[in-house]
Amino acid sequence: MRLLFYISSMRAGGAERVMSVLCNGFAERGNDVYLATNTEAPISYRLDEKVHLLDLYPHGYKDMNRYVRFVSLYRSVHRIARRVKPDVIIAFMGMATKAYWATRGLSIPVIASEHTTYDRILPKGDWFRMNYIDRLATRVTVLTQHDYDYLGRRLPRKVVMPNPLSFPIYTGKTPRCKSVLAVGRLDGWKVKGFDNLIKVWAEISKLNLGWYLDIAGGGSEDSYAYLQSLVRQYQTEQTVRFLGYRADVDRLMQEHAVFVLSSRNEGFPMGLLEAMSQGCACVCFDCISGPNEMITPDVSGILVENQNLDQLKNALLKVMTDDVLREKLSSNGVEEAERFTEQKIMDRWECLFKEVLKERV
């Protein structure tokens, strides 16, 4: 197959990482893969040499005013599609709108791929695109069954397409430290629920069990200072550690015994999935959306009522003090995470491509 992918840039981000996985994976499977993006922006993820990289702004990006950039982008999307003549177009997020309109009349199936949950407050432009303009697509991929059900009849041609795992499944037996790990950018502390997590940890810390809470993630000085003030307020300076940005999150997860997701809401919690794949025993709020589609409750992880701090505290204590339970959750979590390996998600995409191509005939 000849596949043409559109994304606004390849800066660091969850959707951009998924784009690199898909492009590399389909190129390795022998497909002719083209990726159209803003090549003036940093390319934060490795792209296979077999992936054809195309510039959405061949006449430059920075020196254009907003109107000229808008017109130039539509022309570029159309020109690239006519030149490449792909079997299928896959457009991520905001590029989907451009792909529909710029390729009308070319008889090429367009798959729109959305990478956030629908069940939250969205910017007006994103909300209108995701709920209405996406109807023009041949198919729309959503991350979770929750989003699929939430949309109902508003978006009839949709399919659930989870993100693939970032890391290979871990099968080693590394000794694990008596520490609970949380992961996320500090600037997103409110969404990630780090304020509530520190509050819960204060109650656990009073029991002197010899465990630590480690929070891995970069962020601004203001966010770090605020979270540090909470640590001082709750007198947990001796048991809460901020690890900063870490490129070796997979190794961190292999070393930690427990992972906690304290988020108020999520789109598709990759941190949770990655922790399961690396053998952490996972405890998390049953927030919107994703955790209850990854975890079988009390089998591959512990789910508690969203933002019920007492339940989170009790669940963490139970996992921290029960070696047999931790081992069960760890091994079952690894097995559950295998549903989201790169190869299995790639197979689902390939089936989708074949489906839309069959309809075109």
Protein backbone atom coordinates (compact mmCIF):
# COMPACT_ATOMS: atom_id res chain seq x y z
CA MET A 1 0.00 0.00 0.00
CA ARG A 2 0.97 3.61 -0.52
CA LEU A 3 0.17 5.54 2.67
CA LEU A 4 0.22 9.31 3.15
CA PHE A 5 0.29 10.68 6.72
CA TYR A 6 -0.35 14.32 7.65
CA ILE A 7 0.55 15.93 11.00
CA SER A 8 1.20 19.59 11.78
CA SER A 9 4.62 18.94 13.32
CA MET A 10 6.73 16.19 14.87
CA ARG A 11 7.59 18.03 18.09
CA ALA A 12 7.65 16.01 21.31
CA GLY A 13 4.14 14.78 22.19
CA GLY A 14 1.98 11.69 22.49
CA ALA A 15 0.34 11.91 19.05
CA GLU A 16 3.68 12.63 17.41
CA ARG A 17 5.21 9.54 19.03
CA VAL A 18 2.34 7.43 17.72
CA MET A 19 2.86 8.93 14.26
CA SER A 20 6.51 7.84 14.28
CA VAL A 21 5.53 4.32 15.37
CA LEU A 22 2.98 3.99 12.55
CA CYS A 23 5.23 5.42 9.85
CA ASN A 24 8.20 3.29 10.85
CA GLY A 25 6.11 0.17 11.35
CA PHE A 26 4.33 0.34 8.02
CA ALA A 27 7.57 1.14 6.20
CA GLU A 28 9.15 -1.93 7.81
CA ARG A 29 6.18 -4.01 6.62
CA GLY A 30 7.03 -3.10 3.02
CA ASN A 31 4.54 -0.28 2.45
CA ASP A 32 5.39 2.93 0.61
CA VAL A 33 5.08 5.52 3.42
CA TYR A 34 5.01 9.32 3.10
CA LEU A 35 4.90 11.74 6.04
CA ALA A 36 3.93 15.36 5.36
CA THR A 37 4.71 17.77 8.21
CA ASN A 38 6.40 21.07 9.06
CA THR A 39 10.05 20.17 8.58
CA GLU A 40 11.20 23.53 10.02
CA ALA A 41 10.01 22.34 13.45
CA PRO A 42 12.13 19.83 15.39
CA ILE A 43 11.66 16.15 14.50
CA SER A 44 11.61 14.69 18.01
CA TYR A 45 11.22 11.01 17.11
CA ARG A 46 13.29 8.70 14.96
CA LEU A 47 11.96 8.08 11.47
CA ASP A 48 13.02 5.08 9.43
CA GLU A 49 15.10 5.96 6.37
CA LYS A 50 12.43 4.30 4.23
CA VAL A 51 9.86 6.93 5.30
CA HIS A 52 9.58 9.73 2.70
CA LEU A 53 9.54 13.04 4.60
CA LEU A 54 7.65 15.87 2.86
CA ASP A 55 7.50 19.56 3.82
CA LEU A 56 4.08 21.14 4.29
CA TYR A 57 5.67 24.60 3.95
CA PRO A 58 8.18 24.42 1.08
CA HIS A 59 8.28 28.23 0.85
CA GLY A 60 9.01 28.65 4.55
CA TYR A 61 6.85 28.87 7.67
CA LYS A 62 8.13 31.54 10.03
CA ASP A 63 8.01 34.47 7.60
CA MET A 64 4.38 33.96 6.51
CA ASN A 65 1.46 35.89 7.99
CA ARG A 66 -1.49 33.88 9.25
CA TYR A 67 -3.65 34.22 6.12
CA VAL A 68 -0.85 33.36 3.68
CA ARG A 69 0.15 30.39 5.84
CA PHE A 70 -3.46 29.12 5.87
CA VAL A 71 -3.83 29.29 2.07
CA SER A 72 -0.34 27.86 1.52
CA LEU A 73 -1.09 24.90 3.78
CA TYR A 74 -4.27 23.92 1.91
CA ARG A 75 -2.48 24.17 -1.42
CA SER A 76 0.39 22.09 -0.09
CA VAL A 77 -1.92 19.34 1.25
CA HIS A 78 -3.66 19.17 -2.15
CA ARG A 79 -0.43 19.24 -4.14
CA ILE A 80 1.20 16.49 -2.07
CA ALA A 81 -1.86 14.22 -2.36
CA ARG A 82 -1.98 14.67 -6.15
CA ARG A 83 1.74 13.94 -6.47
CA VAL A 84 1.93 10.95 -4.10
CA LYS A 85 -1.39 9.36 -5.25
CA PRO A 86 -1.79 7.37 -2.00
CA ASP A 87 -4.18 4.50 -1.46
CA VAL A 88 -5.14 5.96 1.95
CA ILE A 89 -4.61 9.30 3.72
CA ILE A 90 -4.23 9.31 7.53
CA ALA A 91 -4.51 12.82 9.04
CA PHE A 92 -3.84 13.48 12.72
CA MET A 93 -5.95 15.94 14.72
CA GLY A 94 -6.18 19.44 13.16
CA MET A 95 -4.67 18.28 9.87
CA ALA A 96 -7.77 16.19 9.29
CA THR A 97 -9.86 19.26 8.37
CA LYS A 98 -7.29 20.36 5.80
CA ALA A 99 -7.09 16.86 4.36
CA TYR A 100 -10.88 16.58 3.82
CA TRP A 101 -11.26 19.86 2.00
CA ALA A 102 -7.96 19.93 0.13
CA THR A 103 -8.36 16.43 -1.32
CA ARG A 104 -12.04 16.52 -2.26
CA GLY A 105 -12.51 15.17 -5.77
CA LEU A 106 -9.38 12.98 -5.62
CA SER A 107 -11.33 9.87 -4.49
CA ILE A 108 -8.81 9.02 -1.77
CA PRO A 109 -10.10 7.61 1.56
CA VAL A 110 -9.27 9.93 4.47
CA ILE A 111 -8.92 8.55 8.00
CA ALA A 112 -9.02 11.17 10.76
CA SER A 113 -7.11 10.19 13.89
CA GLU A 114 -8.05 12.02 17.10
CA HIS A 115 -5.79 11.82 20.16
CA THR A 116 -7.72 13.30 23.05
CA THR A 117 -10.91 12.37 24.86
CA TYR A 118 -14.16 13.89 23.62
CA ASP A 119 -15.73 13.91 27.07
CA ARG A 120 -14.08 17.09 28.37
CA ILE A 121 -14.11 20.84 27.78
CA LEU A 122 -12.38 21.49 24.44
CA PRO A 123 -11.35 24.67 22.62
CA LYS A 124 -14.24 25.71 20.35
CA GLY A 125 -12.36 24.98 17.13
CA ASP A 126 -11.35 21.48 18.26
CA TRP A 127 -14.85 20.73 19.55
CA PHE A 128 -16.48 21.71 16.24
CA ARG A 129 -13.98 19.72 14.21
CA MET A 130 -14.17 16.60 16.36
CA ASN A 131 -17.96 16.56 16.65
CA TYR A 132 -19.01 17.75 13.18
CA ILE A 133 -16.30 18.25 10.54
CA ASP A 134 -14.91 14.77 11.24
CA ARG A 135 -18.14 13.41 9.74
CA LEU A 136 -16.58 14.08 6.33
CA ALA A 137 -13.89 11.45 6.96
CA THR A 138 -14.09 7.92 5.61
CA ARG A 139 -13.32 6.77 9.18
CA VAL A 140 -12.45 8.47 12.46
CA THR A 141 -10.27 6.74 15.05
CA VAL A 142 -10.97 7.41 18.73
CA LEU A 143 -8.79 6.24 21.60
CA THR A 144 -11.28 4.47 23.86
CA GLN A 145 -14.61 2.67 23.97
CA HIS A 146 -15.74 5.44 26.33
CA ASP A 147 -15.27 8.01 23.53
CA TYR A 148 -16.99 5.70 21.06
CA ASP A 149 -20.05 5.39 23.32
CA TYR A 150 -20.03 9.09 24.26
CA LEU A 151 -20.19 10.15 20.60
CA GLY A 152 -23.05 7.80 19.76
CA ARG A 153 -24.81 8.68 16.49
CA ARG A 154 -23.09 12.06 16.18
CA LEU A 155 -20.14 10.39 14.48
CA PRO A 156 -21.29 7.18 12.79
CA ARG A 157 -18.10 6.11 10.97
CA LYS A 158 -15.80 5.77 13.96
CA VAL A 159 -13.56 2.97 15.26
CA VAL A 160 -11.69 2.48 18.53
CA MET A 161 -7.93 2.60 17.94
CA PRO A 162 -5.81 2.66 21.11
CA ASN A 163 -2.28 4.02 21.13
CA PRO A 164 0.51 1.42 20.98
CA LEU A 165 2.92 0.80 23.82
CA SER A 166 6.10 2.87 23.89
CA PHE A 167 8.28 0.12 25.36
CA PRO A 168 8.77 -3.60 24.73
CA ILE A 169 7.06 -5.83 27.30
CA TYR A 170 9.43 -6.37 30.23
CA THR A 171 9.98 -9.99 31.25
CA GLY A 172 12.97 -9.58 33.56
CA LYS A 173 13.10 -10.02 37.33
CA THR A 174 14.86 -6.84 38.48
CA PRO A 175 14.70 -6.36 42.28
CA ARG A 176 12.21 -3.57 42.98
CA CYS A 177 12.60 -0.79 45.51
CA LYS A 178 9.96 0.04 48.12
CA SER A 179 8.77 3.09 46.21
CA VAL A 180 5.57 4.25 44.55
CA LEU A 181 6.05 5.96 41.17
CA ALA A 182 3.91 8.69 39.59
CA VAL A 183 4.73 10.14 36.16
CA GLY A 184 3.66 13.36 34.44
CA ARG A 185 4.63 16.93 33.67
CA LEU A 186 4.58 19.06 36.81
CA ASP A 187 2.86 21.88 34.90
CA GLY A 188 -0.12 19.56 34.56
CA TRP A 189 -0.26 18.89 38.30
CA LYS A 190 -3.96 19.70 38.55
CA VAL A 191 -5.01 17.25 35.83
CA LYS A 192 -2.50 14.66 37.09
CA GLY A 193 -3.84 15.11 40.62
CA PHE A 194 -0.40 15.48 42.20
CA ASP A 195 -1.87 17.80 44.83
CA ASN A 196 -4.27 15.11 46.03
CA LEU A 197 -1.59 12.43 45.75
CA ILE A 198 0.71 14.35 48.10
CA LYS A 199 -2.21 14.79 50.51
CA VAL A 200 -2.90 11.03 50.44
CA TRP A 201 0.78 10.25 50.85
CA ALA A 202 0.93 12.38 53.97
CA GLU A 203 -1.48 9.95 55.67
CA ILE A 204 0.51 6.92 54.45
CA SER A 205 3.82 8.44 55.49
CA LYS A 206 2.67 8.73 59.13
CA LEU A 207 2.70 4.91 59.33
CA ASN A 208 6.50 4.80 58.84
CA LEU A 209 6.45 1.85 56.45
CA GLY A 210 9.79 2.78 54.88
CA TRP A 211 8.31 3.53 51.43
CA TYR A 212 8.90 6.58 49.20
CA LEU A 213 6.75 8.44 46.70
CA ASP A 214 8.71 9.36 43.56
CA ILE A 215 7.25 11.84 41.05
CA ALA A 216 9.00 11.83 37.65
CA GLY A 217 8.40 14.68 35.23
CA GLY A 218 9.78 18.04 34.20
CA GLY A 219 8.06 21.39 34.49
CA SER A 220 8.38 25.06 35.31
CA GLU A 221 9.95 26.42 38.48
CA ASP A 222 6.55 27.75 39.55
CA SER A 223 4.92 24.31 39.36
CA TYR A 224 7.83 22.68 41.17
CA ALA A 225 7.74 25.36 43.88
CA TYR A 226 3.99 24.90 44.39
CA LEU A 227 4.25 21.13 44.76
CA GLN A 228 7.22 21.51 47.08
CA SER A 229 5.12 23.87 49.22
CA LEU A 230 2.49 21.12 49.53
CA VAL A 231 5.17 18.65 50.57
CA ARG A 232 6.29 21.03 53.31
CA GLN A 233 2.69 21.75 54.32
CA TYR A 234 2.00 18.04 54.79
CA GLN A 235 5.45 17.39 56.31
CA THR A 236 6.45 14.70 53.83
CA GLU A 237 9.89 16.09 52.88
CA GLN A 238 11.59 12.85 53.93
CA THR A 239 9.45 10.51 51.81
CA VAL A 240 8.48 12.46 48.65
CA ARG A 241 11.12 12.80 45.93
CA PHE A 242 10.91 14.80 42.69
CA LEU A 243 13.00 13.07 40.02
CA GLY A 244 12.66 15.70 37.28
CA TYR A 245 12.46 14.83 33.59
CA ARG A 246 13.69 11.30 32.92
CA ALA A 247 14.45 9.82 29.52
CA ASP A 248 14.72 6.34 31.10
CA VAL A 249 11.12 6.02 32.30
CA ASP A 250 11.09 2.34 31.30
CA ARG A 251 14.02 1.61 33.65
CA LEU A 252 12.36 3.61 36.43
CA MET A 253 9.23 1.50 36.07
CA GLN A 254 11.27 -1.70 36.15
CA GLU A 255 12.83 -0.58 39.45
CA HIS A 256 9.64 0.58 41.23
CA ALA A 257 7.27 -1.84 42.90
CA VAL A 258 4.08 0.23 42.58
CA PHE A 259 2.73 2.79 40.10
CA VAL A 260 -0.06 5.24 40.97
CA LEU A 261 -2.29 7.22 38.60
CA SER A 262 -3.98 10.03 40.53
CA SER A 263 -5.35 11.93 37.51
CA ARG A 264 -8.67 13.76 37.59
CA ASN A 265 -9.13 12.88 33.91
CA GLU A 266 -7.11 11.38 31.06
CA GLY A 267 -7.37 10.97 27.30
CA PHE A 268 -5.51 7.68 27.06
CA PRO A 269 -3.19 7.16 30.06
CA MET A 270 0.01 5.95 28.43
CA GLY A 271 1.88 6.18 31.74
CA LEU A 272 -0.44 3.58 33.25
CA LEU A 273 -0.15 1.26 30.26
CA GLU A 274 3.63 1.59 30.22
CA ALA A 275 3.84 0.86 33.96
CA MET A 276 1.75 -2.28 33.51
CA SER A 277 4.03 -3.40 30.66
CA GLN A 278 7.11 -2.98 32.89
CA GLY A 279 5.71 -5.03 35.77
CA CYS A 280 4.57 -2.36 38.25
CA ALA A 281 1.62 -3.19 40.45
CA CYS A 282 -0.79 -0.40 39.48
CA VAL A 283 -3.27 1.57 41.58
CA CYS A 284 -5.37 4.26 39.93
CA PHE A 285 -8.48 6.37 40.01
CA ASP A 286 -11.22 5.15 37.66
CA CYS A 287 -11.20 8.48 35.85
CA ILE A 288 -12.40 9.44 32.37
CA SER A 289 -11.08 7.86 30.24
CA GLY A 290 -8.95 4.76 29.74
CA PRO A 291 -8.02 3.06 33.04
CA ASN A 292 -11.03 0.74 33.14
CA GLU A 293 -10.30 -0.33 29.56
CA MET A 294 -6.73 -1.30 30.44
CA ILE A 295 -7.20 -2.86 33.87
CA THR A 296 -9.30 -5.81 35.00
CA PRO A 297 -10.21 -4.66 38.54
CA ASP A 298 -8.36 -6.51 41.33
CA VAL A 299 -6.74 -8.79 38.74
CA SER A 300 -4.31 -6.67 36.72
CA GLY A 301 -4.56 -3.53 38.86
CA ILE A 302 -6.60 -1.74 41.51
CA LEU A 303 -9.26 0.76 40.41
CA VAL A 304 -10.82 3.10 42.96
CA GLU A 305 -13.61 5.65 42.72
CA ASN A 306 -12.39 8.78 40.95
CA GLN A 307 -11.03 11.34 43.45
CA ASN A 308 -12.01 9.27 46.49
CA LEU A 309 -8.86 9.94 48.52
CA ASP A 310 -9.64 7.46 51.29
CA GLN A 311 -10.06 4.66 48.75
CA LEU A 312 -6.79 5.59 47.07
CA LYS A 313 -4.97 5.59 50.41
CA ASN A 314 -6.39 2.20 51.40
CA ALA A 315 -5.62 0.67 48.00
CA LEU A 316 -2.03 1.88 48.09
CA LEU A 317 -1.55 0.56 51.62
CA LYS A 318 -2.99 -2.80 50.63
CA VAL A 319 -0.64 -3.18 47.67
CA MET A 320 2.39 -1.85 49.56
CA THR A 321 1.96 -4.31 52.46
CA ASP A 322 0.89 -7.45 50.58
CA ASP A 323 3.76 -9.04 48.66
CA VAL A 324 1.56 -11.76 47.15
CA LEU A 325 -0.97 -9.24 45.85
CA ARG A 326 1.80 -7.06 44.37
CA GLU A 327 3.25 -10.01 42.50
CA LYS A 328 -0.18 -11.01 41.19
CA LEU A 329 -0.99 -7.51 39.95
CA SER A 330 2.46 -7.23 38.41
CA SER A 331 2.34 -10.44 36.39
CA ASN A 332 -1.30 -9.99 35.34
CA GLY A 333 -0.63 -6.38 34.39
CA VAL A 334 2.16 -7.41 32.03
CA GLU A 335 -0.15 -9.97 30.42
CA GLU A 336 -2.94 -7.39 30.02
CA ALA A 337 -0.57 -4.85 28.47
CA GLU A 338 0.29 -7.28 25.67
CA ARG A 339 -3.01 -6.30 24.00
CA PHE A 340 -1.42 -2.92 23.21
CA THR A 341 1.94 -3.91 21.72
CA GLU A 342 3.07 -2.09 18.59
CA GLN A 343 2.52 -5.12 16.39
CA LYS A 344 -1.03 -5.75 17.61
CA ILE A 345 -2.06 -2.10 17.17
CA MET A 346 -0.39 -2.06 13.73
CA ASP A 347 -2.47 -5.12 12.79
CA ARG A 348 -5.62 -3.21 13.74
CA TRP A 349 -4.60 -0.26 11.57
CA GLU A 350 -3.86 -2.59 8.67
CA CYS A 351 -7.33 -4.14 8.94
CA LEU A 352 -8.80 -0.63 8.89
CA PHE A 353 -6.88 0.27 5.73
CA LYS A 354 -8.09 -2.89 3.99
CA GLU A 355 -11.66 -2.14 5.08
CA VAL A 356 -11.74 1.39 3.61
CA LEU A 357 -10.02 0.26 0.42
CA LYS A 358 -12.56 -2.52 -0.03
CA GLU A 359 -15.37 0.05 0.24
CA ARG A 360 -13.78 2.21 -2.46
CA VAL A 361 -13.86 -0.58 -5.04
